[in-house]
Structure formats: C-alpha cells, structure tokens
Protein backbone atom coordinates (compact mmCIF):
# COMPACT_ATOMS: atom_id res chain seq x y z
CA MET A 1 -19.49 78.07 11.98
CA ALA A 2 -20.30 80.01 15.11
CA ARG A 3 -18.91 83.15 13.49
CA SER A 4 -21.23 82.74 10.44
CA PHE A 5 -24.15 82.34 12.78
CA ARG A 6 -23.30 85.55 14.54
CA LEU A 7 -22.94 87.48 11.23
CA GLY A 8 -26.33 86.17 10.11
CA GLY A 9 -27.77 87.36 13.34
CA LEU A 10 -26.17 90.75 12.81
CA ALA A 11 -27.68 91.05 9.30
CA PHE A 12 -31.07 90.11 10.64
CA LEU A 13 -30.70 92.72 13.35
CA LEU A 14 -29.75 95.38 10.81
CA LEU A 15 -32.72 94.53 8.62
CA SER A 16 -34.96 94.70 11.65
CA LEU A 17 -33.55 98.06 12.58
CA GLY A 18 -33.92 99.24 9.00
CA ALA A 19 -37.50 98.10 8.93
CA VAL A 20 -38.34 99.95 12.08
CA ALA A 21 -36.44 103.14 11.51
CA MET A 22 -33.27 104.46 10.08
CA SER A 23 -30.50 104.71 12.76
CA PRO A 24 -27.45 106.83 12.70
CA VAL A 25 -24.23 105.37 11.44
CA THR A 26 -22.70 105.70 14.83
CA ARG A 27 -25.36 103.42 16.25
CA VAL A 28 -24.50 100.75 13.70
CA VAL A 29 -20.81 101.07 14.39
CA GLU A 30 -21.40 100.69 18.08
CA LEU A 31 -23.47 97.60 17.51
CA LEU A 32 -20.80 96.10 15.29
CA GLU A 33 -18.09 96.84 17.81
CA GLY A 34 -20.17 95.29 20.59
CA LEU A 35 -20.82 92.19 18.57
CA SER A 36 -17.14 91.89 17.70
CA LYS A 37 -16.17 92.05 21.34
CA GLN A 38 -18.78 89.45 22.22
CA ILE A 39 -17.52 87.20 19.47
CA ASP A 40 -13.92 87.54 20.75
CA THR A 41 -15.04 86.85 24.30
CA GLU A 42 -16.94 83.73 23.34
CA ALA A 43 -14.07 82.55 21.18
CA LYS A 44 -11.70 83.00 24.09
CA ALA A 45 -14.04 81.10 26.36
CA GLU A 46 -14.25 78.25 23.86
CA GLU A 47 -10.48 78.21 23.56
CA ASP A 48 -10.06 78.15 27.32
CA LEU A 49 -12.62 75.38 27.58
CA TYR A 50 -10.80 73.35 24.98
CA GLU A 51 -7.48 73.87 26.67
CA THR A 52 -9.03 72.88 29.97
CA PHE A 53 -10.39 69.73 28.41
CA VAL A 54 -7.02 68.94 26.87
CA CYS A 55 -5.32 69.49 30.23
CA TRP A 56 -7.90 67.33 31.98
CA ALA A 57 -7.46 64.58 29.41
CA LYS A 58 -3.69 64.74 29.77
CA SER A 59 -4.04 64.70 33.55
CA ILE A 60 -6.32 61.67 33.51
CA ILE A 61 -4.07 59.85 31.11
CA GLY A 62 -1.08 60.69 33.24
CA GLN A 63 -2.85 59.49 36.36
CA LYS A 64 -3.88 56.24 34.74
CA THR A 65 -0.40 55.74 33.34
CA ARG A 66 1.10 56.20 36.78
CA SER A 67 -1.56 54.04 38.42
CA ASN A 68 -0.93 51.32 35.83
CA ALA A 69 2.79 51.44 36.57
CA ALA A 70 2.08 51.20 40.31
CA ALA A 71 -0.43 48.40 39.71
CA THR A 72 2.06 46.49 37.55
CA ALA A 73 4.72 46.81 40.24
CA ARG A 74 2.23 45.70 42.86
CA ILE A 75 1.25 42.71 40.73
CA GLU A 76 4.89 41.65 40.46
CA GLU A 77 5.33 42.10 44.20
CA LEU A 78 2.22 40.06 44.99
CA GLU A 79 3.15 37.27 42.59
CA THR A 80 6.58 37.02 44.21
CA TYR A 81 4.93 37.06 47.64
CA ILE A 82 2.53 34.27 46.61
CA LYS A 83 5.43 32.12 45.39
CA ASP A 84 7.37 32.69 48.62
CA LEU A 85 4.25 31.94 50.60
CA GLU A 86 3.67 28.67 48.77
CA ALA A 87 7.34 27.71 49.16
CA GLY A 88 7.24 28.39 52.91
CA ARG A 89 9.85 31.14 52.76
CA ILE A 90 7.47 33.50 54.56
CA GLU A 91 5.73 32.84 57.88
CA LEU A 92 2.82 34.99 58.98
CA THR A 93 2.52 33.89 62.60
CA THR A 94 4.83 33.19 65.53
CA GLU A 95 3.52 29.65 65.78
CA ARG A 96 6.80 28.00 64.78
CA VAL A 97 8.87 30.17 67.12
CA ASP A 98 6.41 29.64 69.97
CA LEU A 99 6.29 25.87 69.46
CA GLU A 100 10.06 25.54 69.12
CA LYS A 101 10.49 27.53 72.34
CA GLU A 102 7.90 25.35 74.09
CA ILE A 103 9.59 22.17 72.86
CA GLU A 104 12.99 23.40 74.00
CA THR A 105 11.56 24.25 77.44
CA LEU A 106 9.85 20.86 77.77
CA ARG A 107 12.97 18.99 76.75
CA GLY A 108 14.96 21.03 79.24
CA ASP A 109 12.46 20.24 81.98
CA LEU A 110 12.66 16.53 81.16
CA GLU A 111 16.45 16.56 81.20
CA VAL A 112 16.59 18.42 84.51
CA ALA A 113 14.02 16.09 86.04
CA ALA A 114 15.91 13.04 84.78
CA GLU A 115 19.20 14.31 86.19
CA LEU A 116 17.59 15.11 89.52
CA ARG A 117 15.91 11.70 89.67
CA LYS A 118 19.19 10.03 88.80
CA LYS A 119 20.96 11.95 91.57
CA GLU A 120 18.24 11.15 94.11
CA ALA A 121 18.27 7.47 93.13
CA SER A 122 22.05 7.35 93.41
CA GLU A 123 21.96 8.97 96.85
CA TYR A 124 19.30 6.49 97.92
CA GLU A 125 21.33 3.53 96.66
CA ASP A 126 24.41 4.78 98.50
CA ALA A 127 22.43 5.31 101.70
CA LYS A 128 20.72 1.94 101.28
CA ALA A 129 24.05 0.20 100.81
CA GLU A 130 25.38 1.78 104.00
CA MET A 131 22.25 0.88 105.95
CA ASP A 132 22.24 -2.66 104.55
CA GLN A 133 25.84 -3.08 105.64
CA ALA A 134 25.04 -1.70 109.07
CA ILE A 135 21.97 -3.94 109.42
CA THR A 136 23.94 -6.98 108.29
CA ALA A 137 26.77 -6.14 110.69
CA LEU A 138 24.45 -5.64 113.65
CA GLU A 139 22.44 -8.77 112.86
CA SER A 140 25.64 -10.78 112.59
CA ALA A 141 26.97 -9.41 115.84
CA LEU A 142 23.71 -10.07 117.67
CA GLU A 143 23.42 -13.53 116.15
CA VAL A 144 26.92 -14.45 117.25
CA LEU A 145 26.44 -12.97 120.67
CA GLN A 146 23.02 -14.52 121.22
CA THR A 147 24.21 -17.93 119.99
CA ALA A 148 27.18 -17.86 122.31
CA SER A 149 25.02 -16.80 125.23
CA LYS A 150 22.53 -19.58 124.47
CA ASP A 151 25.25 -22.21 124.25
CA LYS A 152 26.75 -21.15 127.57
CA LYS A 153 23.32 -20.71 129.14
CA THR A 154 24.69 -17.87 131.21
CA GLY A 155 23.30 -14.91 129.29
CA SER A 156 26.82 -13.46 129.39
CA LEU A 157 28.64 -12.07 126.34
CA LEU A 158 31.99 -12.78 127.98
CA SER A 159 31.84 -16.45 126.98
CA LEU A 160 32.26 -15.52 123.27
CA ARG A 161 36.01 -15.92 123.14
CA SER A 162 35.94 -19.66 122.45
CA SER A 163 33.16 -19.25 119.89
CA LEU A 164 34.96 -16.51 117.99
CA GLY A 165 38.37 -18.11 118.31
CA SER A 166 37.35 -21.13 116.27
CA SER A 167 35.48 -19.30 113.52
CA ALA A 168 36.76 -15.73 113.09
CA ALA A 169 39.81 -16.73 111.04
CA SER A 170 37.74 -18.75 108.57
CA ARG A 171 34.97 -16.18 108.23
CA THR A 172 36.68 -13.09 106.92
CA ALA A 173 33.46 -11.55 105.70
CA GLU A 174 31.81 -12.04 109.05
CA ALA A 175 34.84 -10.59 110.78
CA ALA A 176 34.59 -7.48 108.61
CA SER A 177 30.92 -7.27 109.45
CA LEU A 178 31.67 -7.55 113.14
CA ASN A 179 34.28 -4.82 112.85
CA LEU A 180 31.61 -2.58 111.36
CA ALA A 181 29.34 -3.51 114.27
CA ILE A 182 32.13 -2.45 116.64
CA SER A 183 32.43 0.87 114.82
CA LEU A 184 28.69 1.39 115.06
CA GLY A 185 28.71 0.42 118.72
CA GLU A 186 31.22 3.15 119.47
CA LYS A 187 28.60 5.72 118.37
CA VAL A 188 25.98 4.68 120.93
CA LEU A 189 27.94 3.06 123.74
CA THR A 190 30.00 4.70 126.40
CA ALA A 191 33.74 4.48 125.96
CA GLY A 192 33.98 1.69 128.50
CA ASP A 193 31.11 -0.31 127.05
CA ALA A 194 32.45 0.16 123.54
CA ARG A 195 35.87 -1.18 124.60
CA PHE A 196 34.23 -4.02 126.44
CA PHE A 197 32.13 -4.84 123.34
CA GLN A 198 35.20 -4.73 121.11
CA ARG A 199 37.13 -7.13 123.31
CA LEU A 200 34.22 -9.51 123.42
CA LEU A 201 33.84 -9.68 119.62
CA THR A 202 37.56 -9.85 118.89
CA GLY A 203 38.47 -12.16 121.74
CA GLU A 204 40.89 -9.70 123.31
CA VAL A 205 39.70 -10.16 126.91
CA PRO A 206 42.65 -11.24 129.15
CA GLU A 207 42.69 -14.83 130.44
CA HIS A 208 42.51 -13.83 134.07
CA ASP A 209 39.31 -11.88 133.37
CA TRP A 210 37.71 -15.00 131.96
CA LYS A 211 38.70 -16.98 135.04
CA LYS A 212 37.23 -14.33 137.26
CA LEU A 213 33.99 -14.57 135.38
CA ASN A 214 33.71 -18.29 136.23
CA ARG A 215 33.80 -17.51 139.92
CA LYS A 216 30.64 -17.05 141.89
CA ALA A 217 31.13 -13.42 142.65
CA THR A 218 29.03 -10.31 142.58
CA PHE A 219 31.12 -8.63 139.89
CA LYS A 220 30.17 -11.51 137.56
CA MET A 221 26.59 -10.35 137.67
CA SER A 222 27.71 -6.82 136.78
CA TYR A 223 29.43 -8.21 133.70
CA LYS A 224 26.25 -10.05 132.77
CA ALA A 225 24.20 -6.88 133.17
CA ARG A 226 26.73 -4.99 131.13
CA SER A 227 26.52 -7.60 128.38
CA GLU A 228 22.77 -7.42 128.26
CA LYS A 229 22.93 -3.64 128.20
CA ILE A 230 25.22 -3.72 125.15
CA GLU A 231 23.01 -6.26 123.44
CA GLY A 232 19.98 -4.07 124.03
CA ALA A 233 21.76 -1.00 122.65
CA LEU A 234 22.75 -2.90 119.52
CA GLN A 235 19.20 -4.17 119.06
CA LYS A 236 17.87 -0.63 119.37
CA MET A 237 20.38 0.57 116.80
CA LEU A 238 19.40 -2.30 114.50
CA ASP A 239 15.73 -1.37 114.79
CA THR A 240 16.60 2.26 114.01
CA PHE A 241 18.54 1.30 110.89
CA LYS A 242 15.69 -0.94 109.71
CA SER A 243 13.18 1.84 110.33
CA ASN A 244 15.33 4.37 108.49
CA LEU A 245 15.81 1.98 105.60
CA LYS A 246 12.07 1.36 105.37
CA GLU A 247 11.35 5.11 105.44
CA ALA A 248 14.04 5.83 102.85
CA THR A 249 12.71 3.06 100.60
CA GLU A 250 9.16 4.38 100.83
CA LYS A 251 10.34 7.90 100.00
CA GLU A 252 12.34 6.58 97.07
CA GLU A 253 9.33 4.67 95.75
CA GLU A 254 7.15 7.79 96.11
CA ALA A 255 9.77 9.94 94.38
CA GLN A 256 10.06 7.44 91.54
CA ALA A 257 6.28 7.24 91.15
CA LEU A 258 6.01 11.04 91.11
CA TYR A 259 8.82 11.27 88.56
CA ASP A 260 7.17 8.67 86.34
CA LYS A 261 3.88 10.58 86.50
CA LEU A 262 5.45 13.96 85.75
CA ASN A 263 7.68 12.48 83.08
CA GLU A 264 4.68 10.96 81.35
CA ALA A 265 2.77 14.25 81.51
CA LYS A 266 5.73 16.24 80.18
CA GLY A 267 6.27 13.60 77.53
CA ASP A 268 2.67 13.96 76.37
CA GLU A 269 3.03 17.74 76.25
CA LEU A 270 6.23 17.39 74.24
CA GLN A 271 4.59 14.99 71.79
CA THR A 272 1.63 17.35 71.36
CA ALA A 273 3.95 20.30 70.71
CA GLU A 274 6.03 18.30 68.21
CA ASP A 275 2.87 17.19 66.39
CA ALA A 276 1.65 20.80 66.30
CA LEU A 277 5.01 21.90 64.91
CA THR A 278 4.70 19.32 62.16
CA LYS A 279 1.15 20.36 61.24
CA MET A 280 1.48 24.13 61.80
CA GLU A 281 -2.31 24.53 61.57
CA LYS A 282 -2.39 28.21 62.57
CA GLU A 283 0.35 29.12 60.14
CA THR A 284 -1.20 27.03 57.37
CA GLY A 285 -4.57 28.72 57.88
CA ALA A 286 -3.02 32.17 57.87
CA ARG A 287 -1.08 31.39 54.71
CA GLY A 288 -4.16 30.09 52.95
CA LEU A 289 -6.14 33.21 53.78
CA SER A 290 -3.32 35.56 52.81
CA ARG A 291 -2.76 33.72 49.53
CA GLU A 292 -6.44 33.91 48.66
CA GLN A 293 -6.51 37.65 49.34
CA SER A 294 -3.33 38.21 47.35
CA VAL A 295 -4.59 36.24 44.34
CA THR A 296 -7.84 38.24 44.39
CA GLU A 297 -5.91 41.51 44.51
CA VAL A 298 -3.71 40.44 41.58
CA GLU A 299 -6.76 39.62 39.47
CA GLU A 300 -8.38 42.99 40.29
CA LEU A 301 -5.19 44.89 39.49
CA LYS A 302 -4.78 43.10 36.17
CA THR A 303 -8.36 44.02 35.27
CA GLN A 304 -7.70 47.62 36.25
CA VAL A 305 -4.53 47.81 34.14
CA ALA A 306 -6.31 46.32 31.12
CA ASP A 307 -9.25 48.78 31.38
CA ASP A 308 -7.00 51.83 31.88
CA THR A 309 -4.77 50.80 28.98
CA LYS A 310 -7.81 50.72 26.68
CA TYR A 311 -8.88 54.16 27.93
CA ILE A 312 -5.42 55.61 27.26
CA GLU A 313 -5.33 54.17 23.76
CA GLN A 314 -8.68 55.73 22.80
C-alpha cells in the first residue's frame, strides 16, 4: 500500500515536471533511482520496527511468564508458611525461649533457697538440741546442788553425797544430765575445781574429807567458798547458753521469715512467667500480623498471575 502511494507520488511529480518543462532522461532516471532508494530505506525501517516490536512483545511475554512462575512459587511458599504458622510449627519471637529460661532460673533459685533453708534449719535444730541439753544439765545440777545446800543450811556443796547417794541410781536420766554438767564444767573451771565438782556430783569424795568438813576449821570455809565459786560459774554458763539459744532462735525466726517472703516473691514471679508461657501474647501478636501480611501478599500475587496470564494469551 505504501509502495502504491509512492508510485502515485512519482507519477504526479513527473506530470508536474512535464507541465513545467521537459527534463532530460537522465534527470528522470536519477529521480527514479532516488525514489527507489528511499522506498528501500523506509521499507527496511518498517521491517526493523516490526522486528523490534516482535522482540519487545516476546521479551514482555517472557518476563511475565517468568514472573508468573516466580509468583506461583511464592504463593505456594506463603500458603505453606501460613499453614505452619497456624499450626504453631513456626515461632517468630524468642518469647518461648526467654520464658522457659526464666522459668528454669526461677525454679533453680527456689530449689537452692529451699535447700539452703533446710540446711540452716537443720543446723539450728542440732545447735538447739545441744543447747537445750546443756541448759537442762546445768539447771539440774544447780537444782540438785542448791537443794542440798538449802537442806543442810550450810551453803556448802560438799553435803551432796547423801542426797545423791539415795537418788542417783533411780534417776538415770538425771545422772546422765549431771554427767553432761560435769563435762561442761570442765570447760570453764580450773582442773582442781572441775575435779572437786565431779566428786561432789558423783559422791566420790572420801569419807575422811566429809568428816573434816564437819569440824569447825578454817579450811571448811575455803571449801564453802570453793563451792559457791563453782555454783556461780555454772550459773554464768547457764545464762550464756540461754542467751545463745535466744539469739539463735531469733536468727532462725528471722531467716525463716525472710525465706518465706523471698519464696513467695519468687513463687509469684514463677506463676507470672508460667502464665505468660501459656498465653504467649507477644508470639501470638507477631503471628497474627505476619499471617495477615502473608494472606494479603498471596491475594495480590494471585491477582498479578491472573492479569499477566490474560495478557500473554492475547
């Protein structure tokens, strides 16, 4: 069609030239040759343009085909991801790990604290038992000694032999307690006083010593002073044991109260962490957001694939 148009134009040109003046044949030939070259050039340009269009179309189709394939793969990936997300096979935060670690630490702290409290309580009970025995022994010894002194009205511990001789055999428990008192006395008394105290409580003082004590002599007063000295030392030791027991009991009560307070606080923290692990609010929120974004992306990709498929089929 374009070629016919050009030939018509050539004929018109020739007529115009003929109407104006007659031109040489060479001029006509030159014009024809020029027109022929122009026609070939334009034809080539049109051909190149067509080929370019065809290449562009193929390129676009190829791009859309590849993008559709990628989009389809992405859709499958996202759909699998959404299913895993809904099933809980994927976690987006470290909330579970953090909470499990916190729970493990809290439980460990509670166990350590409980073991320590148990050990401290056991040590206190052992110490208390020893102090109770010591207090009982000293009180028994002082009671026996003071009773004997009161009965004799001499203030002397040397008159205990008759008192102990009639009761020691029948009071095994008291005898054991007095033996403990003797052992304790050895820690605070001089060697001589401790031996003197032992003989008084066990009735081992020789007969002739007792007879000497009944005499009105100056050494009798030294025995009385010695007896009172021992009694005072035992009373001081008794007061010390009672004071130590009171202090230990107060410390034990304070330690138990502190443990109860800390145990309650740690227990509350543990309960909070366990509740948080059950709810997993951060993880749930992150999953919900990620799922929403993934679903939106799937819908957009499906729309893209559908539109590109229509374009390719045109």
